[in-house]
């Protein structure tokens, strides 16, 4: 078993984490730009629960895809 505090493993973990977060942010930004309405207005002001559930599902799906692509 490898030492979890090995600098090589720690560096690789931080690199993959950074790449995953950047990909996630870019994908979410693209989704917000493609939407034909203001996501902020729909969720915050109009209390659109259905949109919140759909966005939560998309977030989970993106996270699973990124995690499987990196891992």
N, C-alpha and C. Protein backbone atom coordinates (compact mmCIF):
# COMPACT_ATOMS: atom_id res chain seq x y z
N UNK A 1 0.85 -1.19 0.00
CA UNK A 1 0.00 0.00 0.00
C UNK A 1 0.88 1.24 0.00
N UNK A 2 0.50 2.19 -0.82
CA UNK A 2 1.30 3.41 -0.95
C UNK A 2 0.99 4.39 0.17
N UNK A 3 1.96 5.20 0.48
CA UNK A 3 1.81 6.22 1.51
C UNK A 3 0.91 7.34 0.98
N UNK A 4 -0.22 7.62 1.65
CA UNK A 4 -1.13 8.67 1.15
C UNK A 4 -0.53 10.07 1.22
N UNK A 5 0.55 10.24 1.98
CA UNK A 5 1.19 11.55 2.08
C UNK A 5 2.37 11.69 1.12
N UNK A 6 2.52 10.74 0.21
CA UNK A 6 3.57 10.81 -0.80
C UNK A 6 3.36 12.07 -1.64
N UNK A 7 4.39 12.91 -1.79
CA UNK A 7 4.22 14.17 -2.54
C UNK A 7 3.74 13.96 -3.97
N UNK A 8 4.13 12.88 -4.60
CA UNK A 8 3.69 12.62 -5.97
C UNK A 8 2.18 12.37 -6.01
N UNK A 9 1.70 11.53 -5.10
CA UNK A 9 0.26 11.25 -5.06
C UNK A 9 -0.53 12.49 -4.66
N UNK A 10 0.00 13.25 -3.73
CA UNK A 10 -0.68 14.47 -3.29
C UNK A 10 -0.77 15.48 -4.44
N UNK A 11 0.32 15.62 -5.19
CA UNK A 11 0.32 16.53 -6.33
C UNK A 11 -0.66 16.10 -7.41
N UNK A 12 -0.68 14.79 -7.69
CA UNK A 12 -1.61 14.28 -8.71
C UNK A 12 -3.05 14.48 -8.27
N UNK A 13 -3.32 14.25 -6.99
CA UNK A 13 -4.67 14.45 -6.47
C UNK A 13 -5.10 15.90 -6.60
N UNK A 14 -4.22 16.82 -6.24
CA UNK A 14 -4.56 18.25 -6.35
C UNK A 14 -4.73 18.66 -7.81
N UNK A 15 -3.91 18.12 -8.70
CA UNK A 15 -4.04 18.44 -10.13
C UNK A 15 -5.38 17.95 -10.68
N UNK A 16 -5.72 16.70 -10.40
CA UNK A 16 -6.99 16.15 -10.89
C UNK A 16 -8.19 16.88 -10.28
N UNK A 17 -8.07 17.26 -9.02
CA UNK A 17 -9.15 18.03 -8.38
C UNK A 17 -9.33 19.37 -9.07
N UNK A 18 -8.24 20.04 -9.35
CA UNK A 18 -8.30 21.34 -10.03
C UNK A 18 -8.90 21.22 -11.42
N UNK A 19 -8.46 20.20 -12.16
CA UNK A 19 -9.00 19.99 -13.51
C UNK A 19 -10.50 19.70 -13.44
N UNK A 20 -10.90 18.87 -12.50
CA UNK A 20 -12.32 18.54 -12.36
C UNK A 20 -13.17 19.74 -12.02
N UNK A 21 -12.68 20.58 -11.12
CA UNK A 21 -13.43 21.78 -10.73
C UNK A 21 -13.54 22.75 -11.90
N UNK A 22 -12.46 22.93 -12.64
CA UNK A 22 -12.49 23.84 -13.80
C UNK A 22 -13.46 23.33 -14.86
N UNK A 23 -13.41 22.04 -15.16
CA UNK A 23 -14.33 21.46 -16.15
C UNK A 23 -15.77 21.63 -15.69
N UNK A 24 -16.02 21.41 -14.40
CA UNK A 24 -17.37 21.56 -13.86
C UNK A 24 -17.85 23.00 -13.98
N UNK A 25 -17.01 23.96 -13.65
CA UNK A 25 -17.40 25.38 -13.72
C UNK A 25 -17.68 25.78 -15.16
N UNK A 26 -16.83 25.35 -16.09
CA UNK A 26 -17.04 25.68 -17.50
C UNK A 26 -18.34 25.07 -18.02
N UNK A 27 -18.60 23.82 -17.67
CA UNK A 27 -19.83 23.17 -18.13
C UNK A 27 -21.07 23.87 -17.56
N UNK A 28 -21.02 24.25 -16.29
CA UNK A 28 -22.16 24.94 -15.69
C UNK A 28 -22.34 26.32 -16.31
N UNK A 29 -21.25 27.01 -16.62
CA UNK A 29 -21.33 28.33 -17.25
C UNK A 29 -21.95 28.22 -18.64
N UNK A 30 -21.53 27.20 -19.40
CA UNK A 30 -22.10 26.99 -20.73
C UNK A 30 -23.59 26.70 -20.63
N UNK A 31 -23.97 25.88 -19.66
CA UNK A 31 -25.38 25.56 -19.47
C UNK A 31 -26.19 26.82 -19.15
N UNK A 32 -25.64 27.70 -18.33
CA UNK A 32 -26.33 28.94 -17.98
C UNK A 32 -26.46 29.86 -19.19
N UNK A 33 -25.45 29.88 -20.05
CA UNK A 33 -25.50 30.75 -21.24
C UNK A 33 -26.45 30.21 -22.30
N UNK A 34 -26.58 28.89 -22.40
CA UNK A 34 -27.43 28.27 -23.41
C UNK A 34 -28.91 28.36 -23.03
N UNK A 35 -29.20 28.42 -21.75
CA UNK A 35 -30.59 28.45 -21.29
C UNK A 35 -31.29 29.70 -21.84
N UNK A 36 -32.52 29.56 -22.34
CA UNK A 36 -33.23 30.70 -22.93
C UNK A 36 -33.87 31.62 -21.90
N UNK A 37 -33.51 31.46 -20.64
CA UNK A 37 -34.08 32.27 -19.56
C UNK A 37 -33.00 32.49 -18.51
N UNK A 38 -33.27 33.40 -17.58
CA UNK A 38 -32.33 33.67 -16.50
C UNK A 38 -32.52 32.63 -15.40
N UNK A 39 -31.51 31.81 -15.20
CA UNK A 39 -31.59 30.77 -14.17
C UNK A 39 -31.71 31.42 -12.79
N UNK A 40 -30.96 32.48 -12.56
CA UNK A 40 -31.01 33.16 -11.27
C UNK A 40 -32.42 33.69 -10.98
N UNK A 41 -33.02 34.34 -11.97
CA UNK A 41 -34.37 34.90 -11.78
C UNK A 41 -35.39 33.80 -11.54
N UNK A 42 -35.31 32.73 -12.31
CA UNK A 42 -36.29 31.64 -12.18
C UNK A 42 -36.23 30.98 -10.81
N UNK A 43 -35.03 30.76 -10.28
CA UNK A 43 -34.91 30.06 -9.00
C UNK A 43 -35.09 31.01 -7.83
N UNK A 44 -34.41 32.17 -7.86
CA UNK A 44 -34.44 33.09 -6.72
C UNK A 44 -35.77 33.85 -6.61
N UNK A 45 -36.19 34.47 -7.69
CA UNK A 45 -37.35 35.36 -7.62
C UNK A 45 -38.67 34.62 -7.84
N UNK A 46 -38.70 33.72 -8.83
CA UNK A 46 -39.95 33.04 -9.16
C UNK A 46 -40.16 31.74 -8.36
N UNK A 47 -39.15 31.35 -7.57
CA UNK A 47 -39.25 30.13 -6.74
C UNK A 47 -39.60 28.90 -7.56
N UNK A 48 -38.93 28.73 -8.69
CA UNK A 48 -39.19 27.61 -9.60
C UNK A 48 -38.50 26.35 -9.07
N UNK A 49 -39.24 25.54 -8.33
CA UNK A 49 -38.70 24.33 -7.71
C UNK A 49 -38.31 23.30 -8.77
N UNK A 50 -39.11 23.19 -9.81
CA UNK A 50 -38.82 22.21 -10.86
C UNK A 50 -37.47 22.50 -11.52
N UNK A 51 -37.17 23.75 -11.78
CA UNK A 51 -35.88 24.11 -12.37
C UNK A 51 -34.75 23.80 -11.40
N UNK A 52 -34.96 24.03 -10.13
CA UNK A 52 -33.96 23.70 -9.13
C UNK A 52 -33.65 22.21 -9.10
N UNK A 53 -34.68 21.39 -9.20
CA UNK A 53 -34.49 19.94 -9.23
C UNK A 53 -33.74 19.51 -10.49
N UNK A 54 -34.11 20.09 -11.63
CA UNK A 54 -33.44 19.76 -12.89
C UNK A 54 -31.97 20.18 -12.83
N UNK A 55 -31.68 21.38 -12.33
CA UNK A 55 -30.30 21.83 -12.23
C UNK A 55 -29.50 20.97 -11.25
N UNK A 56 -30.13 20.56 -10.16
CA UNK A 56 -29.46 19.67 -9.23
C UNK A 56 -29.12 18.34 -9.88
N UNK A 57 -30.02 17.83 -10.69
CA UNK A 57 -29.78 16.58 -11.41
C UNK A 57 -28.64 16.75 -12.41
N UNK A 58 -28.61 17.88 -13.09
CA UNK A 58 -27.53 18.14 -14.05
C UNK A 58 -26.19 18.23 -13.33
N UNK A 59 -26.17 18.89 -12.18
CA UNK A 59 -24.95 19.01 -11.40
C UNK A 59 -24.44 17.63 -10.97
N UNK A 60 -25.32 16.79 -10.49
CA UNK A 60 -24.93 15.44 -10.09
C UNK A 60 -24.42 14.65 -11.31
N UNK A 61 -25.10 14.76 -12.43
CA UNK A 61 -24.67 14.08 -13.64
C UNK A 61 -23.30 14.55 -14.11
N UNK A 62 -23.07 15.87 -14.10
CA UNK A 62 -21.76 16.39 -14.47
C UNK A 62 -20.67 15.90 -13.52
N UNK A 63 -20.97 15.88 -12.25
CA UNK A 63 -19.99 15.42 -11.26
C UNK A 63 -19.64 13.95 -11.49
N UNK A 64 -20.63 13.13 -11.79
CA UNK A 64 -20.37 11.71 -12.05
C UNK A 64 -19.54 11.51 -13.32
N UNK A 65 -19.85 12.27 -14.35
CA UNK A 65 -19.10 12.16 -15.61
C UNK A 65 -17.65 12.59 -15.40
N UNK A 66 -17.44 13.71 -14.73
CA UNK A 66 -16.09 14.20 -14.48
C UNK A 66 -15.31 13.22 -13.60
N UNK A 67 -15.96 12.70 -12.56
CA UNK A 67 -15.28 11.77 -11.67
C UNK A 67 -14.88 10.49 -12.40
N UNK A 68 -15.74 9.99 -13.27
CA UNK A 68 -15.40 8.76 -13.98
C UNK A 68 -14.35 9.03 -15.06
N UNK A 69 -14.34 10.21 -15.65
CA UNK A 69 -13.33 10.53 -16.66
C UNK A 69 -11.95 10.72 -16.03
N UNK A 70 -11.89 11.29 -14.85
CA UNK A 70 -10.62 11.52 -14.17
C UNK A 70 -10.12 10.25 -13.51
N UNK A 71 -11.03 9.50 -12.90
CA UNK A 71 -10.65 8.30 -12.14
C UNK A 71 -10.41 7.19 -13.01
